[in-house]
Structure formats: structure tokens, C-alpha cells
Amino acid sequence: MGAEHAYHHFRSQVKPALWSKLDEFRLLGYDAISEAEIWEFLVRKKWKKVKEEGKLHEIIQDILSIKVSDYLSYRTIETFKTTEFSMDNEEDWKELLK
């Protein structure tokens, strides 16, 4: 992912919040999500527009407020962005409609 995110220096400090969120996801049956994936979601979606100076308590609040549905929506959209799918291709339509 190119340049380091402005909040990267907080990552070690917020690990307990990340682990807590991972535990919550696992309790809900989402075992395949990793700490790195949650961090990527935060950096690429939640913190896409960085405030001038992030405060530790705001960053922790952002982590703890992640909903499974928000994360899954993000992953779905990212998957569609990377998938080669053409609406003009008849084979793609057949695959979609299976």
C-alpha cells in the first residue's frame, strides 16, 4: 500500500482494541478475519480522509465501533473492484445467474 498511513504510529498502542474487535468478530462466527485485514479496512475506508492530528481515544473509538456488516460490505466492494467481470461477456452472465 504505498506510503505509510498517518495513523500507523498508533498501531502498536491500539493492538488491544484490535484484538478485542477480532474476538467480537470470532464470537459472531467470523473466524477468517485477521488483525491486518481490520487495520486495512480502517486505513482504506474509515480513515480514508485523515484528520490533521488523530487522537488516540478517537482511533480506539473508530476500531471499537466497526460493525461486521460495515467490514463485510467493504470486502465485497473490494472483491468486485478486483474481479474481472464484464457485463458484455455472455459467459460472465451465465456464471452470475447460476
C-alpha atoms as a PDB file:
ATOM      1  CA  MET A   1       0.000   0.000   0.000  1.00  0.00           C
ATOM      2  CA  GLY A   2       2.408   2.825  -0.986  1.00  0.00           C
ATOM      3  CA  ALA A   3       3.203   5.417   1.680  1.00  0.00           C
ATOM      4  CA  GLU A   4       2.652   4.784   5.357  1.00  0.00           C
ATOM      5  CA  HIS A   5      -0.677   5.979   6.752  1.00  0.00           C
ATOM      6  CA  ALA A   6      -0.682   8.942   9.142  1.00  0.00           C
ATOM      7  CA  TYR A   7      -2.089   6.775  11.966  1.00  0.00           C
ATOM      8  CA  HIS A   8       0.416   3.939  11.532  1.00  0.00           C
ATOM      9  CA  HIS A   9       2.413   5.058  14.571  1.00  0.00           C
ATOM     10  CA  PHE A  10      -0.661   4.294  16.748  1.00  0.00           C
ATOM     11  CA  ARG A  11      -0.894   0.658  15.634  1.00  0.00           C
ATOM     12  CA  SER A  12       1.111  -0.879  18.470  1.00  0.00           C
ATOM     13  CA  GLN A  13      -0.783   1.205  21.035  1.00  0.00           C
ATOM     14  CA  VAL A  14      -4.203   0.134  19.748  1.00  0.00           C
ATOM     15  CA  LYS A  15      -3.459  -3.613  19.446  1.00  0.00           C
ATOM     16  CA  PRO A  16      -5.647  -4.425  22.471  1.00  0.00           C
ATOM     17  CA  ALA A  17      -8.607  -2.690  20.778  1.00  0.00           C
ATOM     18  CA  LEU A  18      -7.893  -4.544  17.522  1.00  0.00           C
ATOM     19  CA  TRP A  19      -7.749  -7.866  19.384  1.00  0.00           C
ATOM     20  CA  SER A  20     -10.975  -7.046  21.186  1.00  0.00           C
ATOM     21  CA  LYS A  21     -12.678  -6.366  17.852  1.00  0.00           C
ATOM     22  CA  LEU A  22     -11.264  -9.627  16.447  1.00  0.00           C
ATOM     23  CA  ASP A  23     -12.650 -11.505  19.464  1.00  0.00           C
ATOM     24  CA  GLU A  24     -16.054  -9.929  18.853  1.00  0.00           C
ATOM     25  CA  PHE A  25     -15.974 -10.964  15.177  1.00  0.00           C
ATOM     26  CA  ARG A  26     -14.996 -14.509  16.171  1.00  0.00           C
ATOM     27  CA  LEU A  27     -17.819 -14.724  18.698  1.00  0.00           C
ATOM     28  CA  LEU A  28     -20.159 -13.833  15.836  1.00  0.00           C
ATOM     29  CA  GLY A  29     -18.687 -16.637  13.714  1.00  0.00           C
ATOM     30  CA  TYR A  30     -16.273 -14.662  11.521  1.00  0.00           C
ATOM     31  CA  ASP A  31     -13.059 -16.550  12.239  1.00  0.00           C
ATOM     32  CA  ALA A  32     -11.228 -15.846   8.978  1.00  0.00           C
ATOM     33  CA  ILE A  33     -10.759 -12.099   9.522  1.00  0.00           C
ATOM     34  CA  SER A  34      -7.277 -11.066  10.633  1.00  0.00           C
ATOM     35  CA  GLU A  35      -5.926  -8.084  12.542  1.00  0.00           C
ATOM     36  CA  ALA A  36      -4.177  -6.898   9.363  1.00  0.00           C
ATOM     37  CA  GLU A  37      -7.471  -7.001   7.448  1.00  0.00           C
ATOM     38  CA  ILE A  38      -9.209  -4.901  10.085  1.00  0.00           C
ATOM     39  CA  TRP A  39      -6.340  -2.410  10.010  1.00  0.00           C
ATOM     40  CA  GLU A  40      -6.549  -2.294   6.194  1.00  0.00           C
ATOM     41  CA  PHE A  41     -10.311  -1.596   6.443  1.00  0.00           C
ATOM     42  CA  LEU A  42      -9.648   1.275   8.818  1.00  0.00           C
ATOM     43  CA  VAL A  43      -6.885   2.782   6.691  1.00  0.00           C
ATOM     44  CA  ARG A  44      -8.600   2.391   3.329  1.00  0.00           C
ATOM     45  CA  LYS A  45     -12.210   3.083   4.332  1.00  0.00           C
ATOM     46  CA  LYS A  46     -12.747   4.630   7.755  1.00  0.00           C
ATOM     47  CA  TRP A  47      -9.620   6.800   7.732  1.00  0.00           C
ATOM     48  CA  LYS A  48      -9.511   7.498   4.018  1.00  0.00           C
ATOM     49  CA  LYS A  49      -9.575  11.211   4.810  1.00  0.00           C
ATOM     50  CA  VAL A  50      -7.142  11.772   7.670  1.00  0.00           C
ATOM     51  CA  LYS A  51      -7.759  14.486  10.211  1.00  0.00           C
ATOM     52  CA  GLU A  52      -4.787  16.738  10.809  1.00  0.00           C
ATOM     53  CA  GLU A  53      -3.877  15.121  14.101  1.00  0.00           C
ATOM     54  CA  GLY A  54      -5.549  11.912  15.185  1.00  0.00           C
ATOM     55  CA  LYS A  55      -6.104  11.418  18.871  1.00  0.00           C
ATOM     56  CA  LEU A  56      -5.570   8.014  20.436  1.00  0.00           C
ATOM     57  CA  HIS A  57      -9.044   7.875  22.010  1.00  0.00           C
ATOM     58  CA  GLU A  58     -10.686   8.687  18.637  1.00  0.00           C
ATOM     59  CA  ILE A  59      -8.724   5.953  16.895  1.00  0.00           C
ATOM     60  CA  ILE A  60      -9.695   3.415  19.554  1.00  0.00           C
ATOM     61  CA  GLN A  61     -13.326   4.515  19.260  1.00  0.00           C
ATOM     62  CA  ASP A  62     -13.157   4.008  15.496  1.00  0.00           C
ATOM     63  CA  ILE A  63     -11.832   0.484  15.982  1.00  0.00           C
ATOM     64  CA  LEU A  64     -14.405  -0.473  18.592  1.00  0.00           C
ATOM     65  CA  SER A  65     -17.274   0.946  16.548  1.00  0.00           C
ATOM     66  CA  ILE A  66     -16.640  -1.255  13.485  1.00  0.00           C
ATOM     67  CA  LYS A  67     -19.688  -3.352  12.644  1.00  0.00           C
ATOM     68  CA  VAL A  68     -19.359  -6.719  10.955  1.00  0.00           C
ATOM     69  CA  SER A  69     -21.770  -5.534   8.257  1.00  0.00           C
ATOM     70  CA  ASP A  70     -19.567  -2.491   7.504  1.00  0.00           C
ATOM     71  CA  TYR A  71     -16.492  -4.662   7.190  1.00  0.00           C
ATOM     72  CA  LEU A  72     -18.244  -7.257   5.010  1.00  0.00           C
ATOM     73  CA  SER A  73     -19.660  -4.558   2.725  1.00  0.00           C
ATOM     74  CA  TYR A  74     -16.182  -3.116   2.310  1.00  0.00           C
ATOM     75  CA  ARG A  75     -14.704  -6.549   1.491  1.00  0.00           C
ATOM     76  CA  THR A  76     -17.494  -7.263  -1.014  1.00  0.00           C
ATOM     77  CA  ILE A  77     -16.905  -3.986  -2.842  1.00  0.00           C
ATOM     78  CA  GLU A  78     -13.131  -4.526  -2.852  1.00  0.00           C
ATOM     79  CA  THR A  79     -13.657  -8.001  -4.289  1.00  0.00           C
ATOM     80  CA  PHE A  80     -15.834  -6.623  -7.070  1.00  0.00           C
ATOM     81  CA  LYS A  81     -13.202  -3.988  -7.846  1.00  0.00           C
ATOM     82  CA  THR A  82     -10.512  -6.627  -8.292  1.00  0.00           C
ATOM     83  CA  THR A  83     -12.625  -9.208 -10.092  1.00  0.00           C
ATOM     84  CA  GLU A  84     -12.515  -9.180 -13.837  1.00  0.00           C
ATOM     85  CA  PHE A  85     -16.158  -9.189 -14.772  1.00  0.00           C
ATOM     86  CA  SER A  86     -17.655  -7.896 -17.966  1.00  0.00           C
ATOM     87  CA  MET A  87     -21.355  -7.249 -18.451  1.00  0.00           C
ATOM     88  CA  ASP A  88     -20.754  -7.692 -22.186  1.00  0.00           C
ATOM     89  CA  ASN A  89     -19.452 -11.225 -21.796  1.00  0.00           C
ATOM     90  CA  GLU A  90     -22.192 -13.854 -22.095  1.00  0.00           C
ATOM     91  CA  GLU A  91     -20.163 -16.384 -20.090  1.00  0.00           C
ATOM     92  CA  ASP A  92     -19.915 -13.934 -17.177  1.00  0.00           C
ATOM     93  CA  TRP A  93     -23.707 -13.511 -17.239  1.00  0.00           C
ATOM     94  CA  LYS A  94     -24.244 -17.272 -17.178  1.00  0.00           C
ATOM     95  CA  GLU A  95     -21.829 -17.604 -14.259  1.00  0.00           C
ATOM     96  CA  LEU A  96     -23.580 -14.804 -12.378  1.00  0.00           C
ATOM     97  CA  LEU A  97     -27.022 -16.310 -12.872  1.00  0.00           C
ATOM     98  CA  LYS A  98     -26.112 -19.842 -11.720  1.00  0.00           C
END
